[in-house]
Amino acid sequence: MPIHTLILGFVVMTLGAVGLIVFYTELRRRKFQPHPSRDRIFRCKECQSVYTDDPDVDRSRCPQCGKLNEAIEF
């Protein structure tokens, strides 16, 4: 068996093993990583409290002081 065939086989097997490890690691990361929250973020203009509420709410009442606030836009 020629030497260049052995080297090619070794390189292909090594790259295949590295590819499988990367694929497996990516599957595990996606499985255990928390999903981003769709909640909207609010900051109270009176007491400066930061809180979240449902994504379909445009104005939300502050849990600390009760003032209605607009969502923060990033």
PDB file of N, CA and C in Angstrom:
ATOM      1  N   MET A   1       0.846  -1.170   0.000  1.00  0.00           N
ATOM      2  CA  MET A   1       0.000   0.000   0.000  1.00  0.00           C
ATOM      3  C   MET A   1       0.899   1.244   0.000  1.00  0.00           C
ATOM      4  N   PRO A   2       0.668   2.175  -0.920  1.00  0.00           N
ATOM      5  CA  PRO A   2       1.524   3.373  -1.001  1.00  0.00           C
ATOM      6  C   PRO A   2       1.369   4.267   0.240  1.00  0.00           C
ATOM      7  N   ILE A   3       2.446   4.968   0.557  1.00  0.00           N
ATOM      8  CA  ILE A   3       2.469   5.814   1.753  1.00  0.00           C
ATOM      9  C   ILE A   3       1.461   6.957   1.667  1.00  0.00           C
ATOM     10  N   HIS A   4       1.259   7.528   0.457  1.00  0.00           N
ATOM     11  CA  HIS A   4       0.330   8.659   0.341  1.00  0.00           C
ATOM     12  C   HIS A   4      -1.115   8.205   0.612  1.00  0.00           C
ATOM     13  N   THR A   5      -1.445   6.938   0.337  1.00  0.00           N
ATOM     14  CA  THR A   5      -2.778   6.416   0.634  1.00  0.00           C
ATOM     15  C   THR A   5      -2.961   6.266   2.143  1.00  0.00           C
ATOM     16  N   LEU A   6      -1.932   5.812   2.827  1.00  0.00           N
ATOM     17  CA  LEU A   6      -1.998   5.695   4.292  1.00  0.00           C
ATOM     18  C   LEU A   6      -2.159   7.066   4.953  1.00  0.00           C
ATOM     19  N   ILE A   7      -1.393   8.038   4.489  1.00  0.00           N
ATOM     20  CA  ILE A   7      -1.486   9.390   5.054  1.00  0.00           C
ATOM     21  C   ILE A   7      -2.870   9.986   4.790  1.00  0.00           C
ATOM     22  N   LEU A   8      -3.383   9.806   3.580  1.00  0.00           N
ATOM     23  CA  LEU A   8      -4.714  10.311   3.247  1.00  0.00           C
ATOM     24  C   LEU A   8      -5.782   9.653   4.127  1.00  0.00           C
ATOM     25  N   GLY A   9      -5.676   8.346   4.308  1.00  0.00           N
ATOM     26  CA  GLY A   9      -6.626   7.636   5.171  1.00  0.00           C
ATOM     27  C   GLY A   9      -6.571   8.140   6.601  1.00  0.00           C
ATOM     28  N   PHE A  10      -5.356   8.349   7.121  1.00  0.00           N
ATOM     29  CA  PHE A  10      -5.192   8.852   8.481  1.00  0.00           C
ATOM     30  C   PHE A  10      -5.796  10.253   8.625  1.00  0.00           C
ATOM     31  N   VAL A  11      -5.554  11.130   7.669  1.00  0.00           N
ATOM     32  CA  VAL A  11      -6.088  12.496   7.710  1.00  0.00           C
ATOM     33  C   VAL A  11      -7.611  12.490   7.633  1.00  0.00           C
ATOM     34  N   VAL A  12      -8.170  11.667   6.742  1.00  0.00           N
ATOM     35  CA  VAL A  12      -9.625  11.589   6.596  1.00  0.00           C
ATOM     36  C   VAL A  12     -10.268  11.061   7.874  1.00  0.00           C
ATOM     37  N   MET A  13      -9.680  10.019   8.469  1.00  0.00           N
ATOM     38  CA  MET A  13     -10.232   9.471   9.716  1.00  0.00           C
ATOM     39  C   MET A  13     -10.135  10.488  10.851  1.00  0.00           C
ATOM     40  N   THR A  14      -9.038  11.217  10.937  1.00  0.00           N
ATOM     41  CA  THR A  14      -8.876  12.227  11.989  1.00  0.00           C
ATOM     42  C   THR A  14      -9.889  13.354  11.810  1.00  0.00           C
ATOM     43  N   LEU A  15     -10.043  13.863  10.593  1.00  0.00           N
ATOM     44  CA  LEU A  15     -11.021  14.922  10.343  1.00  0.00           C
ATOM     45  C   LEU A  15     -12.451  14.435  10.592  1.00  0.00           C
ATOM     46  N   GLY A  16     -12.735  13.192  10.250  1.00  0.00           N
ATOM     47  CA  GLY A  16     -14.051  12.621  10.528  1.00  0.00           C
ATOM     48  C   GLY A  16     -14.334  12.537  12.012  1.00  0.00           C
ATOM     49  N   ALA A  17     -13.332  12.127  12.792  1.00  0.00           N
ATOM     50  CA  ALA A  17     -13.493  12.045  14.247  1.00  0.00           C
ATOM     51  C   ALA A  17     -13.699  13.434  14.845  1.00  0.00           C
ATOM     52  N   VAL A  18     -12.925  14.394  14.394  1.00  0.00           N
ATOM     53  CA  VAL A  18     -13.095  15.773  14.886  1.00  0.00           C
ATOM     54  C   VAL A  18     -14.472  16.301  14.509  1.00  0.00           C
ATOM     55  N   GLY A  19     -14.937  16.018  13.305  1.00  0.00           N
ATOM     56  CA  GLY A  19     -16.271  16.452  12.883  1.00  0.00           C
ATOM     57  C   GLY A  19     -17.365  15.839  13.730  1.00  0.00           C
ATOM     58  N   LEU A  20     -17.242  14.558  14.056  1.00  0.00           N
ATOM     59  CA  LEU A  20     -18.236  13.910  14.922  1.00  0.00           C
ATOM     60  C   LEU A  20     -18.241  14.504  16.331  1.00  0.00           C
ATOM     61  N   ILE A  21     -17.070  14.816  16.854  1.00  0.00           N
ATOM     62  CA  ILE A  21     -16.996  15.428  18.186  1.00  0.00           C
ATOM     63  C   ILE A  21     -17.647  16.808  18.171  1.00  0.00           C
ATOM     64  N   VAL A  22     -17.389  17.595  17.148  1.00  0.00           N
ATOM     65  CA  VAL A  22     -17.999  18.925  17.033  1.00  0.00           C
ATOM     66  C   VAL A  22     -19.514  18.800  16.912  1.00  0.00           C
ATOM     67  N   PHE A  23     -19.992  17.875  16.108  1.00  0.00           N
ATOM     68  CA  PHE A  23     -21.430  17.658  15.939  1.00  0.00           C
ATOM     69  C   PHE A  23     -22.087  17.257  17.261  1.00  0.00           C
ATOM     70  N   TYR A  24     -21.480  16.321  17.980  1.00  0.00           N
ATOM     71  CA  TYR A  24     -22.011  15.872  19.266  1.00  0.00           C
ATOM     72  C   TYR A  24     -22.023  17.008  20.291  1.00  0.00           C
ATOM     73  N   THR A  25     -20.957  17.787  20.339  1.00  0.00           N
ATOM     74  CA  THR A  25     -20.879  18.910  21.271  1.00  0.00           C
ATOM     75  C   THR A  25     -21.953  19.949  20.961  1.00  0.00           C
ATOM     76  N   GLU A  26     -22.182  20.241  19.705  1.00  0.00           N
ATOM     77  CA  GLU A  26     -23.208  21.209  19.308  1.00  0.00           C
ATOM     78  C   GLU A  26     -24.605  20.715  19.684  1.00  0.00           C
ATOM     79  N   LEU A  27     -24.869  19.426  19.510  1.00  0.00           N
ATOM     80  CA  LEU A  27     -26.166  18.873  19.917  1.00  0.00           C
ATOM     81  C   LEU A  27     -26.376  19.005  21.417  1.00  0.00           C
ATOM     82  N   ARG A  28     -25.359  18.725  22.195  1.00  0.00           N
ATOM     83  CA  ARG A  28     -25.474  18.854  23.661  1.00  0.00           C
ATOM     84  C   ARG A  28     -25.669  20.312  24.067  1.00  0.00           C
ATOM     85  N   ARG A  29     -24.969  21.226  23.425  1.00  0.00           N
ATOM     86  CA  ARG A  29     -25.097  22.648  23.766  1.00  0.00           C
ATOM     87  C   ARG A  29     -26.515  23.121  23.499  1.00  0.00           C
ATOM     88  N   ARG A  30     -27.086  22.757  22.373  1.00  0.00           N
ATOM     89  CA  ARG A  30     -28.445  23.178  22.041  1.00  0.00           C
ATOM     90  C   ARG A  30     -29.466  22.562  22.978  1.00  0.00           C
ATOM     91  N   LYS A  31     -29.205  21.348  23.439  1.00  0.00           N
ATOM     92  CA  LYS A  31     -30.152  20.665  24.296  1.00  0.00           C
ATOM     93  C   LYS A  31     -30.218  21.301  25.687  1.00  0.00           C
ATOM     94  N   PHE A  32     -29.090  21.704  26.235  1.00  0.00           N
ATOM     95  CA  PHE A  32     -29.037  22.188  27.602  1.00  0.00           C
ATOM     96  C   PHE A  32     -29.002  23.706  27.738  1.00  0.00           C
ATOM     97  N   GLN A  33     -28.848  24.426  26.655  1.00  0.00           N
ATOM     98  CA  GLN A  33     -28.795  25.880  26.730  1.00  0.00           C
ATOM     99  C   GLN A  33     -30.213  26.432  26.882  1.00  0.00           C
ATOM    100  N   PRO A  34     -30.442  27.344  27.817  1.00  0.00           N
ATOM    101  CA  PRO A  34     -31.791  27.896  27.983  1.00  0.00           C
ATOM    102  C   PRO A  34     -32.197  28.745  26.778  1.00  0.00           C
ATOM    103  N   HIS A  35     -33.469  28.724  26.471  1.00  0.00           N
ATOM    104  CA  HIS A  35     -33.991  29.516  25.366  1.00  0.00           C
ATOM    105  C   HIS A  35     -34.183  30.960  25.819  1.00  0.00           C
ATOM    106  N   PRO A  36     -33.936  31.919  24.950  1.00  0.00           N
ATOM    107  CA  PRO A  36     -34.123  33.316  25.348  1.00  0.00           C
ATOM    108  C   PRO A  36     -35.590  33.607  25.638  1.00  0.00           C
ATOM    109  N   SER A  37     -35.812  34.427  26.620  1.00  0.00           N
ATOM    110  CA  SER A  37     -37.169  34.794  27.015  1.00  0.00           C
ATOM    111  C   SER A  37     -37.750  35.796  26.013  1.00  0.00           C
ATOM    112  N   ARG A  38     -39.027  35.660  25.723  1.00  0.00           N
ATOM    113  CA  ARG A  38     -39.692  36.584  24.818  1.00  0.00           C
ATOM    114  C   ARG A  38     -40.332  37.741  25.587  1.00  0.00           C
ATOM    115  N   ASP A  39     -40.209  37.753  26.911  1.00  0.00           N
ATOM    116  CA  ASP A  39     -40.800  38.814  27.714  1.00  0.00           C
ATOM    117  C   ASP A  39     -40.201  40.170  27.356  1.00  0.00           C
ATOM    118  N   ARG A  40     -40.994  41.204  27.565  1.00  0.00           N
ATOM    119  CA  ARG A  40     -40.519  42.571  27.323  1.00  0.00           C
ATOM    120  C   ARG A  40     -39.954  43.148  28.616  1.00  0.00           C
ATOM    121  N   ILE A  41     -38.979  44.025  28.493  1.00  0.00           N
ATOM    122  CA  ILE A  41     -38.304  44.625  29.643  1.00  0.00           C
ATOM    123  C   ILE A  41     -38.849  46.025  29.857  1.00  0.00           C
ATOM    124  N   PHE A  42     -39.148  46.344  31.121  1.00  0.00           N
ATOM    125  CA  PHE A  42     -39.681  47.648  31.490  1.00  0.00           C
ATOM    126  C   PHE A  42     -38.795  48.261  32.568  1.00  0.00           C
ATOM    127  N   ARG A  43     -38.710  49.594  32.558  1.00  0.00           N
ATOM    128  CA  ARG A  43     -38.026  50.328  33.625  1.00  0.00           C
ATOM    129  C   ARG A  43     -38.968  51.410  34.108  1.00  0.00           C
ATOM    130  N   CYS A  44     -39.200  51.416  35.417  1.00  0.00           N
ATOM    131  CA  CYS A  44     -40.108  52.389  36.013  1.00  0.00           C
ATOM    132  C   CYS A  44     -39.462  53.770  36.015  1.00  0.00           C
ATOM    133  N   LYS A  45     -40.224  54.773  35.577  1.00  0.00           N
ATOM    134  CA  LYS A  45     -39.707  56.145  35.549  1.00  0.00           C
ATOM    135  C   LYS A  45     -39.704  56.781  36.929  1.00  0.00           C
ATOM    136  N   GLU A  46     -40.481  56.219  37.847  1.00  0.00           N
ATOM    137  CA  GLU A  46     -40.571  56.804  39.187  1.00  0.00           C
ATOM    138  C   GLU A  46     -39.547  56.200  40.153  1.00  0.00           C
ATOM    139  N   CYS A  47     -39.542  54.866  40.276  1.00  0.00           N
ATOM    140  CA  CYS A  47     -38.660  54.222  41.263  1.00  0.00           C
ATOM    141  C   CYS A  47     -37.441  53.554  40.628  1.00  0.00           C
ATOM    142  N   GLN A  48     -37.300  53.608  39.286  1.00  0.00           N
ATOM    143  CA  GLN A  48     -36.161  53.049  38.532  1.00  0.00           C
ATOM    144  C   GLN A  48     -36.048  51.526  38.645  1.00  0.00           C
ATOM    145  N   SER A  49     -37.112  50.854  39.019  1.00  0.00           N
ATOM    146  CA  SER A  49     -37.124  49.401  39.087  1.00  0.00           C
ATOM    147  C   SER A  49     -37.160  48.817  37.669  1.00  0.00           C
ATOM    148  N   VAL A  50     -36.445  47.720  37.444  1.00  0.00           N
ATOM    149  CA  VAL A  50     -36.440  47.034  36.160  1.00  0.00           C
ATOM    150  C   VAL A  50     -37.183  45.714  36.340  1.00  0.00           C
ATOM    151  N   TYR A  51     -38.142  45.440  35.436  1.00  0.00           N
ATOM    152  CA  TYR A  51     -38.953  44.227  35.543  1.00  0.00           C
ATOM    153  C   TYR A  51     -39.374  43.782  34.152  1.00  0.00           C
ATOM    154  N   THR A  52     -39.915  42.574  34.051  1.00  0.00           N
ATOM    155  CA  THR A  52     -40.362  42.040  32.768  1.00  0.00           C
ATOM    156  C   THR A  52     -41.855  41.747  32.821  1.00  0.00           C
ATOM    157  N   ASP A  53     -42.452  41.663  31.631  1.00  0.00           N
ATOM    158  CA  ASP A  53     -43.867  41.319  31.510  1.00  0.00           C
ATOM    159  C   ASP A  53     -44.061  40.562  30.198  1.00  0.00           C
ATOM    160  N   ASP A  54     -45.253  40.093  29.951  1.00  0.00           N
ATOM    161  CA  ASP A  54     -45.559  39.293  28.764  1.00  0.00           C
ATOM    162  C   ASP A  54     -45.218  40.046  27.484  1.00  0.00           C
ATOM    163  N   PRO A  55     -44.926  39.317  26.388  1.00  0.00           N
ATOM    164  CA  PRO A  55     -44.524  39.973  25.140  1.00  0.00           C
ATOM    165  C   PRO A  55     -45.648  40.743  24.451  1.00  0.00           C
ATOM    166  N   ASP A  56     -46.898  40.486  24.788  1.00  0.00           N
ATOM    167  CA  ASP A  56     -48.008  41.174  24.127  1.00  0.00           C
ATOM    168  C   ASP A  56     -48.473  42.422  24.876  1.00  0.00           C
ATOM    169  N   VAL A  57     -47.781  42.807  25.945  1.00  0.00           N
ATOM    170  CA  VAL A  57     -48.156  43.967  26.757  1.00  0.00           C
ATOM    171  C   VAL A  57     -47.351  45.183  26.305  1.00  0.00           C
ATOM    172  N   ASP A  58     -48.053  46.296  25.981  1.00  0.00           N
ATOM    173  CA  ASP A  58     -47.358  47.526  25.580  1.00  0.00           C
ATOM    174  C   ASP A  58     -47.002  48.393  26.788  1.00  0.00           C
ATOM    175  N   ARG A  59     -47.908  48.456  27.735  1.00  0.00           N
ATOM    176  CA  ARG A  59     -47.670  49.212  28.965  1.00  0.00           C
ATOM    177  C   ARG A  59     -47.881  48.281  30.142  1.00  0.00           C
ATOM    178  N   SER A  60     -47.018  48.385  31.139  1.00  0.00           N
ATOM    179  CA  SER A  60     -47.089  47.483  32.281  1.00  0.00           C
ATOM    180  C   SER A  60     -47.007  48.288  33.577  1.00  0.00           C
ATOM    181  N   ARG A  61     -47.702  47.783  34.590  1.00  0.00           N
ATOM    182  CA  ARG A  61     -47.705  48.433  35.903  1.00  0.00           C
ATOM    183  C   ARG A  61     -46.505  47.942  36.711  1.00  0.00           C
ATOM    184  N   CYS A  62     -45.768  48.883  37.288  1.00  0.00           N
ATOM    185  CA  CYS A  62     -44.589  48.581  38.091  1.00  0.00           C
ATOM    186  C   CYS A  62     -45.002  47.796  39.342  1.00  0.00           C
ATOM    187  N   PRO A  63     -44.338  46.678  39.653  1.00  0.00           N
ATOM    188  CA  PRO A  63     -44.688  45.913  40.848  1.00  0.00           C
ATOM    189  C   PRO A  63     -44.272  46.609  42.147  1.00  0.00           C
ATOM    190  N   GLN A  64     -43.355  47.581  42.072  1.00  0.00           N
ATOM    191  CA  GLN A  64     -42.894  48.270  43.272  1.00  0.00           C
ATOM    192  C   GLN A  64     -43.792  49.443  43.656  1.00  0.00           C
ATOM    193  N   CYS A  65     -44.099  50.321  42.674  1.00  0.00           N
ATOM    194  CA  CYS A  65     -44.834  51.551  43.010  1.00  0.00           C
ATOM    195  C   CYS A  65     -46.187  51.655  42.306  1.00  0.00           C
ATOM    196  N   GLY A  66     -46.465  50.828  41.294  1.00  0.00           N
ATOM    197  CA  GLY A  66     -47.757  50.825  40.630  1.00  0.00           C
ATOM    198  C   GLY A  66     -47.895  51.780  39.458  1.00  0.00           C
ATOM    199  N   LYS A  67     -46.840  52.453  39.034  1.00  0.00           N
ATOM    200  CA  LYS A  67     -46.897  53.391  37.916  1.00  0.00           C
ATOM    201  C   LYS A  67     -46.855  52.635  36.593  1.00  0.00           C
ATOM    202  N   LEU A  68     -47.647  53.082  35.596  1.00  0.00           N
ATOM    203  CA  LEU A  68     -47.629  52.469  34.276  1.00  0.00           C
ATOM    204  C   LEU A  68     -46.408  52.942  33.500  1.00  0.00           C
ATOM    205  N   ASN A  69     -45.758  52.017  32.802  1.00  0.00           N
ATOM    206  CA  ASN A  69     -44.521  52.323  32.080  1.00  0.00           C
ATOM    207  C   ASN A  69     -44.549  51.699  30.694  1.00  0.00           C
ATOM    208  N   GLU A  70     -43.789  52.324  29.792  1.00  0.00           N
ATOM    209  CA  GLU A  70     -43.614  51.812  28.430  1.00  0.00           C
ATOM    210  C   GLU A  70     -42.433  50.827  28.434  1.00  0.00           C
ATOM    211  N   ALA A  71     -42.429  49.901  27.479  1.00  0.00           N
ATOM    212  CA  ALA A  71     -41.346  48.930  27.347  1.00  0.00           C
ATOM    213  C   ALA A  71     -40.076  49.611  26.854  1.00  0.00           C
ATOM    214  N   ILE A  72     -38.942  49.074  27.240  1.00  0.00           N
ATOM    215  CA  ILE A  72     -37.651  49.571  26.771  1.00  0.00           C
ATOM    216  C   ILE A  72     -37.392  48.975  25.392  1.00  0.00           C
ATOM    217  N   GLU A  73     -37.010  49.805  24.435  1.00  0.00           N
ATOM    218  CA  GLU A  73     -36.668  49.343  23.083  1.00  0.00           C
ATOM    219  C   GLU A  73     -35.168  49.379  22.921  1.00  0.00           C
ATOM    220  N   PHE A  74     -34.562  48.266  22.502  1.00  0.00           N
ATOM    221  CA  PHE A  74     -33.125  48.195  22.295  1.00  0.00           C
ATOM    222  C   PHE A  74     -32.809  48.416  20.852  1.00  0.00           C
TER     223      PHE A  74
END
